Each structure stands twice: as C-alpha cells, then as structure tokens.
Protein backbone atom coordinates (compact mmCIF):
# COMPACT_ATOMS: atom_id res chain seq x y z
CA MET A 1 -55.64 43.32 -65.00
CA THR A 2 -56.93 40.28 -66.86
CA PRO A 3 -60.11 38.36 -65.99
CA ALA A 4 -58.25 35.14 -65.20
CA GLY A 5 -56.90 35.62 -61.68
CA GLN A 6 -56.42 39.35 -62.33
CA ARG A 7 -52.91 38.76 -63.71
CA SER A 8 -51.23 40.10 -66.82
CA THR A 9 -50.95 37.60 -69.68
CA GLY A 10 -48.16 39.59 -71.29
CA GLY A 11 -48.34 40.80 -74.85
CA LEU A 12 -50.86 43.59 -75.35
CA ALA A 13 -51.74 43.65 -71.67
CA ASP A 14 -48.25 44.95 -70.88
CA LEU A 15 -48.40 47.82 -73.38
CA PRO A 16 -49.73 51.32 -72.73
CA ILE A 17 -52.99 52.05 -74.50
CA GLU A 18 -55.24 55.07 -74.83
CA PHE A 19 -58.67 55.75 -76.28
CA VAL A 20 -58.30 58.03 -79.32
CA GLY A 21 -61.95 58.67 -80.15
CA SER A 22 -65.17 57.55 -81.83
CA PHE A 23 -65.67 58.41 -85.48
CA PRO A 24 -68.48 58.10 -88.04
CA ASP A 25 -66.04 58.49 -90.95
CA PRO A 26 -64.43 55.18 -92.02
CA LEU A 27 -61.53 57.09 -93.59
CA VAL A 28 -60.83 59.43 -90.69
CA ARG A 29 -57.11 60.19 -90.42
CA LEU A 30 -55.51 59.00 -87.19
CA GLU A 31 -52.31 60.71 -86.10
CA PRO A 32 -49.71 59.40 -86.24
CA VAL A 33 -50.45 57.00 -89.09
CA LEU A 34 -49.78 53.47 -87.79
CA PRO A 35 -50.91 49.96 -88.74
CA GLU A 36 -54.46 49.16 -87.62
CA VAL A 37 -56.01 45.88 -86.51
CA ALA A 38 -59.81 45.90 -86.62
CA PHE A 39 -62.21 43.86 -84.48
CA ILE A 40 -65.55 42.94 -85.96
CA GLY A 41 -68.34 40.48 -85.13
CA ARG A 42 -72.04 40.09 -84.42
CA SER A 43 -73.48 42.54 -81.94
CA ASN A 44 -73.73 39.93 -79.16
CA VAL A 45 -70.48 38.06 -79.75
CA GLY A 46 -68.62 39.54 -76.76
CA LYS A 47 -66.32 41.90 -78.65
CA SER A 48 -65.98 44.53 -75.93
CA SER A 49 -65.27 41.91 -73.26
CA LEU A 50 -62.59 40.33 -75.42
CA LEU A 51 -60.92 43.70 -76.10
CA ASN A 52 -60.87 44.40 -72.39
CA ALA A 53 -59.33 41.00 -71.64
CA LEU A 54 -56.80 41.32 -74.44
CA THR A 55 -55.55 44.71 -73.28
CA GLY A 56 -55.81 43.93 -69.57
CA ARG A 57 -58.07 46.96 -68.99
CA LYS A 58 -61.44 46.02 -67.58
CA GLY A 59 -63.22 49.21 -68.66
CA LEU A 60 -61.40 50.05 -71.91
CA ALA A 61 -64.24 49.06 -74.25
CA ARG A 62 -67.70 49.69 -72.85
CA VAL A 63 -69.74 46.51 -72.41
CA SER A 64 -73.33 47.42 -73.18
CA ALA A 65 -76.41 45.55 -72.00
CA THR A 66 -78.01 46.54 -75.31
CA PRO A 67 -76.50 44.70 -78.31
CA GLY A 68 -75.97 46.86 -81.36
CA LYS A 69 -75.58 50.08 -79.37
CA THR A 70 -72.11 50.90 -80.73
CA THR A 71 -72.49 52.54 -84.14
CA LEU A 72 -69.14 54.30 -84.57
CA LEU A 73 -65.56 53.36 -85.26
CA ASN A 74 -63.71 53.34 -81.89
CA ALA A 75 -59.93 53.68 -82.04
CA PHE A 76 -57.40 52.79 -79.34
CA ARG A 77 -53.71 53.59 -79.69
CA LEU A 78 -50.87 51.35 -78.55
CA PRO A 79 -47.19 52.31 -79.05
CA SER A 80 -46.85 50.99 -82.62
CA PHE A 81 -50.42 50.41 -83.85
CA TYR A 82 -54.13 50.99 -83.32
CA LEU A 83 -56.88 48.61 -82.30
CA VAL A 84 -60.10 49.62 -84.05
CA ASP A 85 -63.43 48.43 -82.66
CA LEU A 86 -65.97 48.33 -85.50
CA PRO A 87 -69.74 48.29 -84.84
CA GLY A 88 -71.35 44.89 -84.39
CA TYR A 89 -73.53 43.52 -87.16
CA GLY A 90 -76.74 41.50 -87.20
CA PHE A 91 -78.71 43.33 -84.51
CA ALA A 92 -82.32 42.38 -85.24
CA ARG A 93 -83.84 45.64 -83.98
CA ALA A 94 -81.73 47.88 -86.18
CA GLY A 95 -83.79 49.77 -88.75
CA LYS A 96 -83.20 49.78 -92.48
CA ALA A 97 -81.44 53.16 -92.43
CA ALA A 98 -79.18 52.10 -89.55
CA ARG A 99 -78.24 48.89 -91.35
CA ALA A 100 -77.41 50.83 -94.51
CA THR A 101 -75.24 53.29 -92.57
CA TYR A 102 -73.47 50.41 -90.86
CA ARG A 103 -72.85 48.63 -94.15
CA THR A 104 -71.37 51.74 -95.72
CA LEU A 105 -69.05 52.41 -92.76
CA VAL A 106 -67.73 48.87 -92.53
CA THR A 107 -67.48 48.27 -96.28
CA ARG A 108 -65.51 51.46 -96.88
CA TYR A 109 -63.27 50.83 -93.87
CA LEU A 110 -62.39 47.29 -94.98
CA ARG A 111 -61.94 48.12 -98.65
CA GLU A 112 -60.33 51.55 -98.53
CA ARG A 113 -58.47 51.86 -95.23
CA GLN A 114 -54.83 51.96 -96.27
CA ALA A 115 -53.47 51.48 -92.75
CA LEU A 116 -55.50 48.30 -92.09
CA ALA A 117 -53.04 45.50 -91.37
CA GLY A 118 -55.59 42.80 -90.55
CA VAL A 119 -58.94 41.88 -89.05
CA ALA A 120 -59.91 39.86 -85.98
CA TRP A 121 -63.30 38.41 -86.94
CA LEU A 122 -65.19 37.29 -83.84
CA LEU A 123 -67.56 34.32 -83.91
CA ASP A 124 -69.43 32.61 -81.06
CA ALA A 125 -67.74 29.23 -80.52
CA ARG A 126 -71.06 27.62 -79.59
CA HIS A 127 -72.87 28.28 -82.86
CA ASP A 128 -72.45 27.62 -86.55
CA PRO A 129 -71.83 30.71 -88.70
CA SER A 130 -75.09 32.56 -89.45
CA ASP A 131 -76.19 34.03 -92.76
CA ARG A 132 -74.97 37.43 -91.51
CA ASP A 133 -71.60 35.88 -90.68
CA LEU A 134 -71.37 34.45 -94.20
CA ASP A 135 -72.23 37.86 -95.65
CA MET A 136 -69.41 39.34 -93.60
CA GLN A 137 -67.03 36.65 -94.79
CA GLU A 138 -67.75 37.66 -98.39
CA LEU A 139 -66.89 41.25 -97.55
CA LEU A 140 -63.70 40.21 -95.75
CA VAL A 141 -62.61 38.09 -98.71
CA GLU A 142 -63.32 40.98 -101.09
CA SER A 143 -61.19 43.30 -98.95
CA GLY A 144 -58.13 41.09 -99.37
CA ARG A 145 -57.05 41.74 -95.76
CA PRO A 146 -55.47 39.11 -93.50
CA VAL A 147 -58.19 37.70 -91.23
CA LEU A 148 -58.10 35.79 -87.94
CA ALA A 149 -61.29 33.94 -87.08
CA VAL A 150 -61.52 34.35 -83.29
CA LEU A 151 -63.96 32.07 -81.46
CA THR A 152 -65.38 33.67 -78.31
CA LYS A 153 -67.08 32.33 -75.16
CA ALA A 154 -65.01 29.12 -75.16
CA ASP A 155 -65.42 28.87 -71.37
CA LYS A 156 -68.99 27.71 -71.98
CA LEU A 157 -67.66 24.56 -73.66
CA GLY A 158 -65.52 21.67 -72.46
CA ARG A 159 -62.08 21.04 -73.95
CA SER A 160 -63.27 18.34 -76.32
CA ALA A 161 -66.23 20.42 -77.45
CA GLN A 162 -63.94 23.41 -78.06
CA ARG A 163 -61.80 21.39 -80.45
CA GLU A 164 -64.84 19.98 -82.21
CA ARG A 165 -66.41 23.41 -82.62
CA ALA A 166 -63.16 24.90 -83.92
CA ARG A 167 -62.91 22.17 -86.56
CA ALA A 168 -66.59 22.50 -87.51
CA ILE A 169 -66.44 26.30 -87.87
CA ALA A 170 -63.19 26.14 -89.84
CA GLN A 171 -64.82 23.62 -92.19
CA ALA A 172 -68.02 25.68 -92.53
CA LEU A 173 -65.98 28.75 -93.49
CA ALA A 174 -63.46 26.82 -95.61
CA LEU A 175 -60.62 28.12 -93.42
CA PRO A 176 -57.44 26.31 -92.39
CA GLU A 177 -57.64 25.35 -88.73
CA ASP A 178 -54.58 27.44 -87.87
CA GLN A 179 -56.55 30.54 -88.93
CA VAL A 180 -59.12 29.84 -86.19
CA GLN A 181 -58.30 30.75 -82.58
CA ILE A 182 -60.26 29.80 -79.47
CA THR A 183 -60.65 32.43 -76.74
CA SER A 184 -62.55 33.27 -73.59
CA ALA A 185 -62.70 36.75 -72.10
CA ARG A 186 -63.99 35.24 -68.87
CA SER A 187 -61.31 32.62 -68.25
CA GLY A 188 -58.46 34.21 -70.21
CA GLU A 189 -58.07 31.15 -72.42
CA GLY A 190 -56.38 31.91 -75.73
CA ILE A 191 -55.77 35.58 -74.90
CA ALA A 192 -51.97 35.30 -74.99
CA ASP A 193 -52.08 33.44 -78.32
CA LEU A 194 -54.43 36.04 -79.81
CA SER A 195 -52.15 38.81 -78.58
CA ALA A 196 -49.19 37.18 -80.33
CA SER A 197 -51.20 36.80 -83.55
CA ILE A 198 -52.19 40.47 -83.49
CA LEU A 199 -48.59 41.56 -82.99
CA ALA A 200 -47.62 39.37 -85.95
CA LEU A 201 -50.23 41.16 -88.09
CA VAL A 202 -48.80 44.49 -87.00
CA THR A 203 -45.27 43.40 -87.90
CA LEU A 204 -46.48 42.34 -91.34
CA GLY A 205 -48.26 45.68 -91.76
CA GLN A 206 -45.11 47.56 -90.86
CA LYS A 207 -43.11 45.61 -93.46
CA LEU A 208 -45.68 46.38 -96.15
CA ALA A 209 -46.01 50.04 -95.20
CA PRO A 210 -43.36 51.52 -97.54
CA THR A 211 -44.87 49.97 -100.68
CA GLU A 212 -48.59 49.70 -99.94
CA ARG A 213 -49.44 52.68 -97.73
C-alpha cells in the first residue's frame, strides 16, 4: 500500500520485492547478478520512508528515530534488479572511525560496483545543498554513474515553492532541471515518476550489461 490513500501507484509498487540482506562489504556478490539502483542521501533526508512509498511496502525499509543508525548496505531484490539502500551521510554524532568506515564503503561501492546501473541521490527540497551534499556530488561525478537528484519532503512546500526550490537546487548543483525530481513519501507526489525513472535506469543497465559488466 502507498501512503497516499493506501492505493498502488503502479510501477515498483506492483512488483514483488524481498529483502536480501545487510552487508558491510561494498563488493559483496548478490545472486543472481542483476542491475542495481542505489539510494543515498543525508541521514535525515527521509530515505527509508521514500523507499517504503516507492515499493508500496510500509515496513520494507526500517524508519529509525535515530538518524545515522543504518551503517550497512541493505539490498532488496525485485524481479529484474536490486534496490540498494546505502547508509546516510552527514550524521553529526558519528565518530571519526565511523565516518572513515562509511566513506570507504560508499566510495568503493560507487566506484567499483560493476552492477550499479544508477543512483537516486536524495536531497531535502526545503534546503540548499550542504557542504556534505557537495562532497557527495564530487564522489558521484567521479563514479561516472547516472544520477537522479530526488527532492524529498515536497509535501511541506506549496506548489509554487516546490518549483522554485527545484530550480534553485538544480542551479546550485549545475544540473539540468529534468535531472531533478520532486517527491513526497507522505503524499505520494512524484512517486510514480520516480518509479518510471528507476525502471529506465534498469533498462539502460541491462543494455550495457554485455559490454560493461
């Protein structure tokens, strides 16, 4: 069920999905080998809520009251690809060792993961990109992976403000506006469009598989 009226939005919400496991190794082999779409964002950006809304499963990804609690790679299998929930970044209370471990996991996953078809990069629609967000953008650019900038918590803004924030964030990140998508896990806004974009990434990954995997 989806948050908006408890109805399916189609797309990913109509596909079977199962939790595969949590892994500390960024290069862990998932069987069978399928394209992967990773979700990444700040520790309080609403990543788990968005994954739950996107897949239509309220309890698929655990929503923690403590930001930064997830420290492993969490993999979920759909029929033709995996969704991979990466740990959130920027949690102020994380120690130096924890930050270093996080950086190693995410950097190796983004740079070396052969099955990675693309990344959904979550950003809070209400705020300008932070220094940590800009650091992550550098890493994403270095990885050479297709990236969707997904703006979360759009329900906290009016329609006009949503458009203004999308333009402002796209400009701040030097991204084309069609690479920025507005979403709300609470209202369901943008979930169907994001689902279609993810499926397009998977299709591209499948086409590239014979030569690049």
